[in-house]
């Protein structure tokens, strides 16, 4: 369940926990994770569209 909460935080569907320590390196890591997650979701959508149009 923790993974789903983290993904929701990356996609701005859930607010960040105010008790977590703030570090610039952690913010960079979360930004890179957010970009990679969005690219992965985009690739999944492209694959699904290609499979639908191929039929």
PDB file of N, CA and C in Angstrom:
ATOM      1  N   UNK A   1       0.824  -1.197   0.000  1.00  0.00           N
ATOM      2  CA  UNK A   1       0.000   0.000   0.000  1.00  0.00           C
ATOM      3  C   UNK A   1       0.863   1.254   0.000  1.00  0.00           C
ATOM      4  N   UNK A   2       2.035   1.166   0.549  1.00  0.00           N
ATOM      5  CA  UNK A   2       2.925   2.315   0.622  1.00  0.00           C
ATOM      6  C   UNK A   2       3.369   2.775  -0.767  1.00  0.00           C
ATOM      7  N   UNK A   3       3.530   1.818  -1.684  1.00  0.00           N
ATOM      8  CA  UNK A   3       3.944   2.165  -3.039  1.00  0.00           C
ATOM      9  C   UNK A   3       2.861   2.994  -3.711  1.00  0.00           C
ATOM     10  N   UNK A   4       1.609   2.619  -3.527  1.00  0.00           N
ATOM     11  CA  UNK A   4       0.510   3.377  -4.137  1.00  0.00           C
ATOM     12  C   UNK A   4       0.416   4.785  -3.559  1.00  0.00           C
ATOM     13  N   UNK A   5       0.678   4.933  -2.277  1.00  0.00           N
ATOM     14  CA  UNK A   5       0.673   6.266  -1.664  1.00  0.00           C
ATOM     15  C   UNK A   5       1.798   7.124  -2.228  1.00  0.00           C
ATOM     16  N   UNK A   6       2.975   6.523  -2.456  1.00  0.00           N
ATOM     17  CA  UNK A   6       4.103   7.265  -3.011  1.00  0.00           C
ATOM     18  C   UNK A   6       3.819   7.695  -4.445  1.00  0.00           C
ATOM     19  N   UNK A   7       3.211   6.828  -5.232  1.00  0.00           N
ATOM     20  CA  UNK A   7       2.854   7.179  -6.608  1.00  0.00           C
ATOM     21  C   UNK A   7       1.835   8.307  -6.608  1.00  0.00           C
ATOM     22  N   UNK A   8       0.859   8.255  -5.708  1.00  0.00           N
ATOM     23  CA  UNK A   8      -0.132   9.328  -5.618  1.00  0.00           C
ATOM     24  C   UNK A   8       0.539  10.651  -5.248  1.00  0.00           C
ATOM     25  N   UNK A   9       1.562  10.598  -4.414  1.00  0.00           N
ATOM     26  CA  UNK A   9       2.290  11.819  -4.052  1.00  0.00           C
ATOM     27  C   UNK A   9       3.055  12.358  -5.249  1.00  0.00           C
ATOM     28  N   UNK A  10       3.691  11.460  -6.035  1.00  0.00           N
ATOM     29  CA  UNK A  10       4.437  11.891  -7.218  1.00  0.00           C
ATOM     30  C   UNK A  10       3.539  12.581  -8.228  1.00  0.00           C
ATOM     31  N   UNK A  11       2.343  12.063  -8.380  1.00  0.00           N
ATOM     32  CA  UNK A  11       1.424  12.612  -9.386  1.00  0.00           C
ATOM     33  C   UNK A  11       0.550  13.728  -8.831  1.00  0.00           C
ATOM     34  N   UNK A  12       0.882  14.221  -7.654  1.00  0.00           N
ATOM     35  CA  UNK A  12       0.166  15.306  -6.993  1.00  0.00           C
ATOM     36  C   UNK A  12      -1.287  14.970  -6.708  1.00  0.00           C
ATOM     37  N   UNK A  13      -1.589  13.681  -6.510  1.00  0.00           N
ATOM     38  CA  UNK A  13      -2.941  13.284  -6.143  1.00  0.00           C
ATOM     39  C   UNK A  13      -3.115  13.282  -4.629  1.00  0.00           C
ATOM     40  N   UNK A  14      -2.008  13.336  -3.911  1.00  0.00           N
ATOM     41  CA  UNK A  14      -2.019  13.282  -2.456  1.00  0.00           C
ATOM     42  C   UNK A  14      -1.009  14.291  -1.937  1.00  0.00           C
ATOM     43  N   UNK A  15      -1.321  14.954  -0.842  1.00  0.00           N
ATOM     44  CA  UNK A  15      -0.407  15.940  -0.269  1.00  0.00           C
ATOM     45  C   UNK A  15       0.791  15.261   0.378  1.00  0.00           C
ATOM     46  N   UNK A  16       1.915  15.971   0.372  1.00  0.00           N
ATOM     47  CA  UNK A  16       3.134  15.474   0.991  1.00  0.00           C
ATOM     48  C   UNK A  16       2.998  15.485   2.506  1.00  0.00           C
ATOM     49  N   UNK A  17       3.627  14.534   3.152  1.00  0.00           N
ATOM     50  CA  UNK A  17       3.610  14.461   4.613  1.00  0.00           C
ATOM     51  C   UNK A  17       4.433  15.622   5.179  1.00  0.00           C
ATOM     52  N   UNK A  18       3.841  16.495   5.979  1.00  0.00           N
ATOM     53  CA  UNK A  18       4.579  17.661   6.490  1.00  0.00           C
ATOM     54  C   UNK A  18       5.653  17.300   7.513  1.00  0.00           C
ATOM     55  N   UNK A  19       5.636  16.100   8.059  1.00  0.00           N
ATOM     56  CA  UNK A  19       6.605  15.699   9.068  1.00  0.00           C
ATOM     57  C   UNK A  19       7.903  15.152   8.486  1.00  0.00           C
ATOM     58  N   UNK A  20       7.954  14.929   7.164  1.00  0.00           N
ATOM     59  CA  UNK A  20       9.174  14.392   6.566  1.00  0.00           C
ATOM     60  C   UNK A  20      10.226  15.487   6.458  1.00  0.00           C
ATOM     61  N   UNK A  21      11.488  15.141   6.671  1.00  0.00           N
ATOM     62  CA  UNK A  21      12.548  16.145   6.538  1.00  0.00           C
ATOM     63  C   UNK A  21      12.700  16.594   5.091  1.00  0.00           C
ATOM     64  N   UNK A  22      13.011  17.858   4.894  1.00  0.00           N
ATOM     65  CA  UNK A  22      13.124  18.427   3.551  1.00  0.00           C
ATOM     66  C   UNK A  22      14.596  18.497   3.158  1.00  0.00           C
ATOM     67  N   UNK A  23      14.949  17.853   2.085  1.00  0.00           N
ATOM     68  CA  UNK A  23      16.317  17.845   1.582  1.00  0.00           C
ATOM     69  C   UNK A  23      16.272  18.081   0.080  1.00  0.00           C
ATOM     70  N   UNK A  24      17.208  18.862  -0.436  1.00  0.00           N
ATOM     71  CA  UNK A  24      17.191  19.153  -1.866  1.00  0.00           C
ATOM     72  C   UNK A  24      17.490  17.901  -2.683  1.00  0.00           C
ATOM     73  N   UNK A  25      18.349  17.009  -2.170  1.00  0.00           N
ATOM     74  CA  UNK A  25      18.656  15.785  -2.907  1.00  0.00           C
ATOM     75  C   UNK A  25      17.444  14.868  -2.985  1.00  0.00           C
ATOM     76  N   UNK A  26      16.675  14.815  -1.931  1.00  0.00           N
ATOM     77  CA  UNK A  26      15.460  13.998  -1.954  1.00  0.00           C
ATOM     78  C   UNK A  26      14.460  14.596  -2.946  1.00  0.00           C
ATOM     79  N   UNK A  27      14.383  15.917  -2.995  1.00  0.00           N
ATOM     80  CA  UNK A  27      13.490  16.560  -3.962  1.00  0.00           C
ATOM     81  C   UNK A  27      13.926  16.269  -5.392  1.00  0.00           C
ATOM     82  N   UNK A  28      15.234  16.268  -5.665  1.00  0.00           N
ATOM     83  CA  UNK A  28      15.729  15.917  -7.002  1.00  0.00           C
ATOM     84  C   UNK A  28      15.359  14.477  -7.346  1.00  0.00           C
ATOM     85  N   UNK A  29      15.537  13.576  -6.380  1.00  0.00           N
ATOM     86  CA  UNK A  29      15.222  12.176  -6.610  1.00  0.00           C
ATOM     87  C   UNK A  29      13.733  12.001  -6.909  1.00  0.00           C
ATOM     88  N   UNK A  30      12.871  12.684  -6.155  1.00  0.00           N
ATOM     89  CA  UNK A  30      11.441  12.586  -6.396  1.00  0.00           C
ATOM     90  C   UNK A  30      11.074  13.170  -7.755  1.00  0.00           C
ATOM     91  N   UNK A  31      11.743  14.233  -8.166  1.00  0.00           N
ATOM     92  CA  UNK A  31      11.490  14.801  -9.488  1.00  0.00           C
ATOM     93  C   UNK A  31      11.851  13.836 -10.597  1.00  0.00           C
ATOM     94  N   UNK A  32      12.987  13.179 -10.472  1.00  0.00           N
ATOM     95  CA  UNK A  32      13.402  12.198 -11.479  1.00  0.00           C
ATOM     96  C   UNK A  32      12.443  11.012 -11.478  1.00  0.00           C
ATOM     97  N   UNK A  33      12.033  10.562 -10.298  1.00  0.00           N
ATOM     98  CA  UNK A  33      11.063   9.466 -10.227  1.00  0.00           C
ATOM     99  C   UNK A  33       9.738   9.859 -10.863  1.00  0.00           C
ATOM    100  N   UNK A  34       9.314  11.097 -10.656  1.00  0.00           N
ATOM    101  CA  UNK A  34       8.054  11.579 -11.246  1.00  0.00           C
ATOM    102  C   UNK A  34       8.151  11.561 -12.771  1.00  0.00           C
ATOM    103  N   UNK A  35       9.270  12.024 -13.313  1.00  0.00           N
ATOM    104  CA  UNK A  35       9.454  12.038 -14.767  1.00  0.00           C
ATOM    105  C   UNK A  35       9.451  10.620 -15.318  1.00  0.00           C
ATOM    106  N   UNK A  36      10.171   9.706 -14.668  1.00  0.00           N
ATOM    107  CA  UNK A  36      10.232   8.335 -15.163  1.00  0.00           C
ATOM    108  C   UNK A  36       8.866   7.653 -15.076  1.00  0.00           C
ATOM    109  N   UNK A  37       8.111   7.927 -14.037  1.00  0.00           N
ATOM    110  CA  UNK A  37       6.777   7.347 -13.903  1.00  0.00           C
ATOM    111  C   UNK A  37       5.847   7.860 -15.001  1.00  0.00           C
ATOM    112  N   UNK A  38       5.908   9.151 -15.283  1.00  0.00           N
ATOM    113  CA  UNK A  38       5.057   9.714 -16.336  1.00  0.00           C
ATOM    114  C   UNK A  38       5.444   9.167 -17.710  1.00  0.00           C
ATOM    115  N   UNK A  39       6.737   9.001 -17.972  1.00  0.00           N
ATOM    116  CA  UNK A  39       7.164   8.419 -19.247  1.00  0.00           C
ATOM    117  C   UNK A  39       6.715   6.958 -19.364  1.00  0.00           C
ATOM    118  N   UNK A  40       6.775   6.226 -18.264  1.00  0.00           N
ATOM    119  CA  UNK A  40       6.312   4.843 -18.271  1.00  0.00           C
ATOM    120  C   UNK A  40       4.818   4.781 -18.584  1.00  0.00           C
ATOM    121  N   UNK A  41       4.021   5.620 -17.938  1.00  0.00           N
ATOM    122  CA  UNK A  41       2.581   5.624 -18.201  1.00  0.00           C
ATOM    123  C   UNK A  41       2.282   6.026 -19.644  1.00  0.00           C
ATOM    124  N   UNK A  42       3.042   6.987 -20.177  1.00  0.00           N
ATOM    125  CA  UNK A  42       2.874   7.395 -21.575  1.00  0.00           C
ATOM    126  C   UNK A  42       3.188   6.231 -22.509  1.00  0.00           C
ATOM    127  N   UNK A  43       4.257   5.491 -22.214  1.00  0.00           N
ATOM    128  CA  UNK A  43       4.628   4.347 -23.053  1.00  0.00           C
ATOM    129  C   UNK A  43       3.559   3.262 -23.011  1.00  0.00           C
ATOM    130  N   UNK A  44       2.981   3.028 -21.850  1.00  0.00           N
ATOM    131  CA  UNK A  44       1.898   2.036 -21.738  1.00  0.00           C
ATOM    132  C   UNK A  44       0.706   2.453 -22.588  1.00  0.00           C
ATOM    133  N   UNK A  45       0.358   3.735 -22.558  1.00  0.00           N
ATOM    134  CA  UNK A  45      -0.763   4.234 -23.364  1.00  0.00           C
ATOM    135  C   UNK A  45      -0.454   4.067 -24.844  1.00  0.00           C
ATOM    136  N   UNK A  46       0.766   4.375 -25.265  1.00  0.00           N
ATOM    137  CA  UNK A  46       1.144   4.218 -26.677  1.00  0.00           C
ATOM    138  C   UNK A  46       1.056   2.757 -27.098  1.00  0.00           C
ATOM    139  N   UNK A  47       1.515   1.850 -26.264  1.00  0.00           N
ATOM    140  CA  UNK A  47       1.450   0.418 -26.592  1.00  0.00           C
ATOM    141  C   UNK A  47       0.002  -0.036 -26.713  1.00  0.00           C
ATOM    142  N   UNK A  48      -0.848   0.405 -25.809  1.00  0.00           N
ATOM    143  CA  UNK A  48      -2.269   0.016 -25.861  1.00  0.00           C
ATOM    144  C   UNK A  48      -2.923   0.566 -27.127  1.00  0.00           C
ATOM    145  N   UNK A  49      -2.625   1.810 -27.473  1.00  0.00           N
ATOM    146  CA  UNK A  49      -3.208   2.400 -28.692  1.00  0.00           C
ATOM    147  C   UNK A  49      -2.741   1.648 -29.923  1.00  0.00           C
ATOM    148  N   UNK A  50      -1.456   1.305 -29.974  1.00  0.00           N
ATOM    149  CA  UNK A  50      -0.944   0.545 -31.121  1.00  0.00           C
ATOM    150  C   UNK A  50      -1.607  -0.822 -31.233  1.00  0.00           C
ATOM    151  N   UNK A  51      -1.844  -1.483 -30.097  1.00  0.00           N
ATOM    152  CA  UNK A  51      -2.506  -2.786 -30.140  1.00  0.00           C
ATOM    153  C   UNK A  51      -3.946  -2.666 -30.605  1.00  0.00           C
ATOM    154  N   UNK A  52      -4.627  -1.599 -30.207  1.00  0.00           N
ATOM    155  CA  UNK A  52      -6.029  -1.414 -30.611  1.00  0.00           C
ATOM    156  C   UNK A  52      -6.118  -1.078 -32.094  1.00  0.00           C
ATOM    157  N   UNK A  53      -5.229  -0.227 -32.588  1.00  0.00           N
ATOM    158  CA  UNK A  53      -5.274   0.183 -33.991  1.00  0.00           C
ATOM    159  C   UNK A  53      -4.792  -0.931 -34.925  1.00  0.00           C
ATOM    160  N   UNK A  54      -4.036  -1.867 -34.418  1.00  0.00           N
ATOM    161  CA  UNK A  54      -3.513  -2.948 -35.245  1.00  0.00           C
ATOM    162  C   UNK A  54      -4.600  -3.939 -35.647  1.00  0.00           C
ATOM    163  N   UNK A  55      -5.637  -4.059 -34.825  1.00  0.00           N
ATOM    164  CA  UNK A  55      -6.718  -5.030 -35.106  1.00  0.00           C
ATOM    165  C   UNK A  55      -7.591  -4.601 -36.205  1.00  0.00           C
TER     166      UNK A  55
END
